[in-house]
Amino acid sequence: MGNNDTSYYLTTTLKALEAAYRVNQDLVVATHLSQAMDALHRMAHQSDKSARSSHQTANDPYEMDEYNSAV
């Protein structure tokens, strides 16, 4: 499954859970829906982060990155 497929399924699932959360009247169910949405948001973030790192070119060992606190 490619990254585009993963993104599509994550987005579709999140939209369905968010819609269920909006119309839900049960606090216990809302808690479970909220936890599921949080897990999917984290998964989407990790998927996006790994896709970006796999598309990056080889790093120059002498190049400073933007997170270097010495700069």
C-alpha atoms as a PDB file:
ATOM      1  CA  MET A   1       0.000   0.000   0.000  1.00  0.00           C
ATOM      2  CA  GLY A   2       1.490   3.292  -1.099  1.00  0.00           C
ATOM      3  CA  ASN A   3       1.638   6.483   0.900  1.00  0.00           C
ATOM      4  CA  ASN A   4      -1.226   8.009  -1.120  1.00  0.00           C
ATOM      5  CA  ASP A   5      -3.421   5.006  -0.280  1.00  0.00           C
ATOM      6  CA  THR A   6      -2.484   5.292   3.390  1.00  0.00           C
ATOM      7  CA  SER A   7      -3.247   9.000   3.419  1.00  0.00           C
ATOM      8  CA  TYR A   8      -6.610   8.422   1.743  1.00  0.00           C
ATOM      9  CA  TYR A   9      -7.646   5.716   4.205  1.00  0.00           C
ATOM     10  CA  LEU A  10      -6.465   7.711   7.228  1.00  0.00           C
ATOM     11  CA  THR A  11      -8.336  10.820   6.057  1.00  0.00           C
ATOM     12  CA  THR A  12     -11.505   8.864   5.305  1.00  0.00           C
ATOM     13  CA  THR A  13     -11.400   7.105   8.665  1.00  0.00           C
ATOM     14  CA  LEU A  14     -10.777  10.345  10.554  1.00  0.00           C
ATOM     15  CA  LYS A  15     -13.695  12.060   8.821  1.00  0.00           C
ATOM     16  CA  ALA A  16     -16.016   9.175   9.707  1.00  0.00           C
ATOM     17  CA  LEU A  17     -14.890   9.154  13.345  1.00  0.00           C
ATOM     18  CA  GLU A  18     -15.232  12.931  13.618  1.00  0.00           C
ATOM     19  CA  ALA A  19     -18.774  12.751  12.211  1.00  0.00           C
ATOM     20  CA  ALA A  20     -19.652   9.990  14.695  1.00  0.00           C
ATOM     21  CA  TYR A  21     -18.133  12.036  17.525  1.00  0.00           C
ATOM     22  CA  ARG A  22     -20.268  15.090  16.628  1.00  0.00           C
ATOM     23  CA  VAL A  23     -23.583  13.203  16.749  1.00  0.00           C
ATOM     24  CA  ASN A  24     -22.697  10.922  19.655  1.00  0.00           C
ATOM     25  CA  GLN A  25     -24.625  11.336  22.925  1.00  0.00           C
ATOM     26  CA  ASP A  26     -22.816   8.717  25.049  1.00  0.00           C
ATOM     27  CA  LEU A  27     -19.789   9.902  27.054  1.00  0.00           C
ATOM     28  CA  VAL A  28     -18.170   6.445  27.117  1.00  0.00           C
ATOM     29  CA  VAL A  29     -18.444   6.124  23.352  1.00  0.00           C
ATOM     30  CA  ALA A  30     -17.138   9.683  22.934  1.00  0.00           C
ATOM     31  CA  THR A  31     -14.066   8.766  24.960  1.00  0.00           C
ATOM     32  CA  HIS A  32     -13.333   5.784  22.719  1.00  0.00           C
ATOM     33  CA  LEU A  33     -13.914   7.822  19.565  1.00  0.00           C
ATOM     34  CA  SER A  34     -11.605  10.535  20.842  1.00  0.00           C
ATOM     35  CA  GLN A  35      -8.855   8.020  21.597  1.00  0.00           C
ATOM     36  CA  ALA A  36      -9.230   6.449  18.144  1.00  0.00           C
ATOM     37  CA  MET A  37      -9.052   9.858  16.453  1.00  0.00           C
ATOM     38  CA  ASP A  38      -5.951  10.779  18.454  1.00  0.00           C
ATOM     39  CA  ALA A  39      -4.241   7.517  17.475  1.00  0.00           C
ATOM     40  CA  LEU A  40      -5.072   8.064  13.801  1.00  0.00           C
ATOM     41  CA  HIS A  41      -3.814  11.665  13.910  1.00  0.00           C
ATOM     42  CA  ARG A  42      -0.544  10.396  15.381  1.00  0.00           C
ATOM     43  CA  MET A  43      -0.343   7.663  12.745  1.00  0.00           C
ATOM     44  CA  ALA A  44      -0.955  10.204   9.972  1.00  0.00           C
ATOM     45  CA  HIS A  45       1.782  12.444  11.392  1.00  0.00           C
ATOM     46  CA  GLN A  46       4.239   9.529  11.544  1.00  0.00           C
ATOM     47  CA  SER A  47       3.319   8.450   8.020  1.00  0.00           C
ATOM     48  CA  ASP A  48       3.826  11.971   6.706  1.00  0.00           C
ATOM     49  CA  LYS A  49       7.125  12.336   8.553  1.00  0.00           C
ATOM     50  CA  SER A  50       8.489   9.020   7.244  1.00  0.00           C
ATOM     51  CA  ALA A  51       7.418   9.882   3.690  1.00  0.00           C
ATOM     52  CA  ARG A  52       9.285  13.191   3.870  1.00  0.00           C
ATOM     53  CA  SER A  53      12.442  11.597   5.255  1.00  0.00           C
ATOM     54  CA  SER A  54      12.444   8.887   2.587  1.00  0.00           C
ATOM     55  CA  HIS A  55      12.272  11.523  -0.173  1.00  0.00           C
ATOM     56  CA  GLN A  56      15.171  13.566   1.145  1.00  0.00           C
ATOM     57  CA  THR A  57      18.546  13.409  -0.562  1.00  0.00           C
ATOM     58  CA  ALA A  58      21.687  12.234   1.193  1.00  0.00           C
ATOM     59  CA  ASN A  59      22.833  14.726   3.801  1.00  0.00           C
ATOM     60  CA  ASP A  60      26.168  16.449   3.668  1.00  0.00           C
ATOM     61  CA  PRO A  61      27.954  15.601   6.955  1.00  0.00           C
ATOM     62  CA  TYR A  62      29.251  19.175   7.187  1.00  0.00           C
ATOM     63  CA  GLU A  63      25.908  20.841   6.495  1.00  0.00           C
ATOM     64  CA  MET A  64      24.133  22.446   9.442  1.00  0.00           C
ATOM     65  CA  ASP A  65      20.451  21.657   9.804  1.00  0.00           C
ATOM     66  CA  GLU A  66      17.825  24.111  11.033  1.00  0.00           C
ATOM     67  CA  TYR A  67      17.607  22.368  14.421  1.00  0.00           C
ATOM     68  CA  ASN A  68      21.250  22.858  15.310  1.00  0.00           C
ATOM     69  CA  SER A  69      21.267  25.047  18.410  1.00  0.00           C
ATOM     70  CA  ALA A  70      24.834  26.230  17.748  1.00  0.00           C
ATOM     71  CA  VAL A  71      23.752  28.197  14.692  1.00  0.00           C
END
